[in-house]
Protein backbone atom coordinates (compact mmCIF):
# COMPACT_ATOMS: atom_id res chain seq x y z
CA MET A 1 -30.87 -16.96 -65.30
CA GLY A 2 -29.27 -16.99 -68.76
CA VAL A 3 -29.42 -13.79 -70.79
CA ARG A 4 -28.27 -13.24 -74.37
CA ALA A 5 -25.23 -11.00 -74.79
CA THR A 6 -27.32 -8.39 -76.62
CA GLU A 7 -29.48 -7.96 -73.48
CA ILE A 8 -26.58 -7.39 -71.04
CA ARG A 9 -26.32 -3.83 -69.72
CA LYS A 10 -23.70 -1.79 -67.91
CA GLY A 11 -23.95 -2.28 -64.14
CA GLN A 12 -25.39 -5.80 -64.29
CA VAL A 13 -23.70 -8.55 -62.29
CA VAL A 14 -22.91 -11.77 -64.14
CA GLU A 15 -21.59 -15.12 -62.94
CA LEU A 16 -18.51 -16.43 -64.75
CA ASP A 17 -16.53 -19.47 -63.59
CA GLY A 18 -18.23 -19.37 -60.17
CA GLN A 19 -17.31 -15.71 -59.53
CA LEU A 20 -19.39 -12.54 -59.63
CA TRP A 21 -18.39 -9.88 -62.15
CA VAL A 22 -19.97 -6.46 -62.71
CA VAL A 23 -20.23 -5.17 -66.29
CA THR A 24 -18.35 -1.84 -66.38
CA GLU A 25 -18.44 -1.20 -70.14
CA TYR A 26 -20.71 -2.41 -72.94
CA GLU A 27 -20.28 -1.83 -76.66
CA HIS A 28 -22.43 -3.35 -79.42
CA LYS A 29 -20.95 -3.22 -82.93
CA THR A 30 -22.43 -4.37 -86.21
CA PRO A 31 -19.68 -3.92 -88.82
CA GLY A 32 -21.26 -3.75 -92.26
CA ASN A 33 -23.12 -6.92 -93.16
CA LEU A 34 -21.21 -9.06 -90.64
CA ARG A 35 -22.68 -10.54 -87.49
CA ALA A 36 -22.89 -8.41 -84.34
CA ILE A 37 -19.94 -8.19 -81.93
CA ILE A 38 -20.44 -7.30 -78.29
CA ASN A 39 -17.40 -6.07 -76.36
CA ILE A 40 -17.76 -5.91 -72.59
CA LYS A 41 -15.41 -5.15 -69.74
CA VAL A 42 -16.10 -6.79 -66.39
CA LYS A 43 -14.69 -6.28 -62.90
CA SER A 44 -14.45 -9.03 -60.33
CA LEU A 45 -16.40 -8.30 -57.16
CA LYS A 46 -14.07 -10.61 -55.22
CA THR A 47 -10.62 -9.48 -56.34
CA GLY A 48 -11.23 -6.17 -58.13
CA SER A 49 -9.41 -7.37 -61.26
CA THR A 50 -10.78 -6.46 -64.68
CA SER A 51 -11.18 -8.45 -67.86
CA ALA A 52 -12.34 -7.76 -71.42
CA MET A 53 -14.59 -10.13 -73.33
CA ARG A 54 -15.76 -10.34 -76.95
CA LEU A 55 -19.11 -12.05 -77.39
CA GLY A 56 -21.37 -12.96 -80.27
CA SER A 57 -25.04 -11.97 -80.27
CA SER A 58 -26.09 -15.57 -79.59
CA ASP A 59 -23.78 -16.07 -76.58
CA VAL A 60 -25.53 -16.47 -73.23
CA LEU A 61 -24.29 -15.15 -69.88
CA GLU A 62 -25.57 -16.08 -66.45
CA VAL A 63 -26.94 -12.99 -64.68
CA ALA A 64 -26.68 -13.14 -60.88
CA TYR A 65 -29.86 -12.67 -58.86
CA LEU A 66 -29.43 -9.61 -56.64
CA ASP A 67 -31.58 -8.54 -53.73
CA ARG A 68 -31.89 -4.84 -52.82
CA LYS A 69 -32.11 -3.59 -49.25
CA LYS A 70 -32.53 -0.13 -47.87
CA ALA A 71 -29.46 1.06 -46.01
CA GLU A 72 -28.05 4.24 -44.54
CA TYR A 73 -24.56 5.41 -45.47
CA LEU A 74 -22.87 6.22 -42.15
CA TYR A 75 -19.23 7.20 -42.80
CA ARG A 76 -15.96 6.33 -44.52
CA GLU A 77 -13.50 4.49 -42.32
CA ALA A 78 -10.19 6.39 -42.24
CA ALA A 79 -7.87 3.40 -41.78
CA SER A 80 -9.19 1.07 -44.50
CA GLY A 81 -10.98 3.57 -46.77
CA ASN A 82 -14.08 1.34 -46.70
CA TYR A 83 -17.59 2.76 -46.62
CA VAL A 84 -19.76 1.77 -43.65
CA TYR A 85 -23.52 1.25 -44.05
CA MET A 86 -26.34 0.21 -41.74
CA ASP A 87 -29.27 -1.99 -42.73
CA THR A 88 -32.31 0.13 -41.82
CA GLU A 89 -34.38 -2.92 -40.82
CA SER A 90 -31.94 -5.02 -38.78
CA TYR A 91 -29.57 -2.17 -37.77
CA GLU A 92 -26.60 -4.38 -38.69
CA GLN A 93 -23.56 -2.56 -40.02
CA PHE A 94 -21.53 -3.72 -43.01
CA GLU A 95 -18.75 -2.35 -45.18
CA LEU A 96 -18.11 -2.01 -48.91
CA SER A 97 -14.64 -1.31 -50.22
CA ALA A 98 -13.89 1.73 -52.34
CA GLU A 99 -13.09 -0.65 -55.22
CA PHE A 100 -16.67 -1.98 -55.15
CA VAL A 101 -18.45 1.35 -55.13
CA GLY A 102 -15.94 3.35 -57.18
CA ASP A 103 -16.84 7.00 -57.67
CA LYS A 104 -20.50 6.47 -56.74
CA MET A 105 -19.93 7.66 -53.18
CA LEU A 106 -19.01 11.15 -54.45
CA TYR A 107 -22.77 11.60 -54.93
CA VAL A 108 -23.74 10.53 -51.41
CA LYS A 109 -23.62 12.53 -48.16
CA GLU A 110 -23.22 10.87 -44.78
CA ASN A 111 -26.48 9.69 -43.16
CA THR A 112 -28.18 9.35 -46.56
CA GLN A 113 -30.63 6.50 -47.22
CA LEU A 114 -30.03 4.47 -50.37
CA GLU A 115 -30.29 0.93 -51.70
CA VAL A 116 -27.52 -1.66 -51.53
CA SER A 117 -27.45 -4.74 -53.78
CA PHE A 118 -26.81 -8.12 -52.13
CA HIS A 119 -25.95 -11.50 -53.61
CA GLY A 120 -27.13 -13.84 -50.88
CA THR A 121 -25.78 -12.20 -47.72
CA THR A 122 -22.85 -10.45 -49.41
CA PRO A 123 -23.21 -6.74 -50.27
CA VAL A 124 -22.00 -6.16 -53.83
CA GLY A 125 -22.91 -2.61 -54.79
CA VAL A 126 -24.75 0.64 -54.25
CA VAL A 127 -27.82 1.78 -56.22
CA LEU A 128 -27.94 5.56 -56.57
CA PRO A 129 -31.03 7.67 -57.20
CA PRO A 130 -31.07 9.26 -60.68
CA GLN A 131 -30.46 12.72 -59.22
CA VAL A 132 -29.00 14.14 -55.98
CA VAL A 133 -28.92 17.61 -54.42
CA LEU A 134 -25.56 18.79 -53.05
CA GLU A 135 -24.15 22.08 -51.74
CA VAL A 136 -21.40 24.01 -53.52
CA VAL A 137 -18.49 24.55 -51.10
CA HIS A 138 -15.95 26.12 -53.47
CA THR A 139 -16.07 27.74 -56.87
CA GLU A 140 -14.14 30.30 -58.86
CA ASN A 141 -15.15 33.96 -58.82
CA VAL A 142 -16.99 35.36 -61.82
CA VAL A 143 -14.91 37.47 -64.19
CA LYS A 144 -16.78 40.47 -65.58
CA GLY A 145 -17.79 39.91 -69.19
CA ASN A 146 -17.58 36.15 -68.84
CA THR A 147 -21.08 35.56 -67.52
CA SER A 148 -23.10 35.12 -70.68
CA GLY A 149 -23.42 32.20 -73.03
CA SER A 150 -22.42 28.68 -72.17
CA VAL A 151 -19.26 29.48 -70.21
CA LYS A 152 -18.79 27.08 -67.31
CA LYS A 153 -16.54 26.93 -64.26
CA ASP A 154 -15.46 24.22 -61.83
CA ALA A 155 -17.36 23.81 -58.58
CA LYS A 156 -16.45 21.56 -55.66
CA LEU A 157 -19.43 20.07 -53.84
CA GLU A 158 -19.73 19.03 -50.19
CA THR A 159 -18.86 15.40 -50.95
CA GLY A 160 -15.68 16.28 -52.85
CA LEU A 161 -17.24 15.90 -56.31
CA VAL A 162 -15.99 18.48 -58.83
CA LEU A 163 -18.18 19.35 -61.82
CA LYS A 164 -18.73 22.09 -64.38
CA VAL A 165 -21.48 24.58 -63.51
CA PRO A 166 -22.75 27.81 -65.11
CA MET A 167 -21.08 31.05 -64.04
CA HIS A 168 -24.10 32.17 -61.95
CA VAL A 169 -23.67 29.33 -59.41
CA ASN A 170 -22.04 30.48 -56.14
CA VAL A 171 -20.72 29.00 -52.91
CA GLY A 172 -23.64 27.92 -50.70
CA ASP A 173 -25.97 27.18 -53.63
CA MET A 174 -27.69 23.81 -53.71
CA VAL A 175 -27.37 22.12 -57.10
CA LYS A 176 -28.96 19.07 -58.72
CA VAL A 177 -26.53 16.54 -60.21
CA ALA A 178 -27.35 13.56 -62.47
CA THR A 179 -25.70 10.49 -60.93
CA GLU A 180 -25.46 8.63 -64.25
CA THR A 181 -23.52 11.33 -66.11
CA GLY A 182 -22.19 13.55 -63.31
CA GLU A 183 -23.62 16.62 -65.01
CA PHE A 184 -25.13 19.76 -63.50
CA GLN A 185 -28.94 19.68 -63.80
CA GLY A 186 -29.84 23.03 -62.27
CA ARG A 187 -30.18 24.83 -58.98
CA ALA A 188 -32.24 23.24 -56.25
CA THR A 189 -34.75 25.36 -54.39
CA ASP A 190 -34.50 23.59 -51.03
CA LYS A 191 -32.00 21.47 -49.09
């Protein structure tokens, strides 16, 4: 399905020269009274290579049709570094390389249900929920007099993700994290 360049969004998969590419960056510029310029960066789902493109607002790109299936993240394979998932309907296992999923897996605990995007029978990416709840496993101690205002400290979560949290957050606390921005959203009341 052809889509104008102005309608392309970050995370979409497009078909170029018979290969699938995921849009990693999107920038729309309209300099003065000139015509719009769209700069995108894409990453090949086959090779992992990246490429930059400059498009006009009337250019058309072919968006790949993706199917979503529910899957359970099982574990990360030590030897290859690939992530192993199981289709929750057929119980078939499949892998996605760390290059495909990038930093997304820092938001996902083992044995978590999520959606995986497929192009035909090939898995091409992971769809995260907008927010996840993770446990703080390490954080700095609070220094007296440094607890008011918007002072933040680093906290390491159970998946290895490190983010800035308010000073009142302690080890063992469950926190909500926005998967789009990686920002602290607040304490969670339950696990």
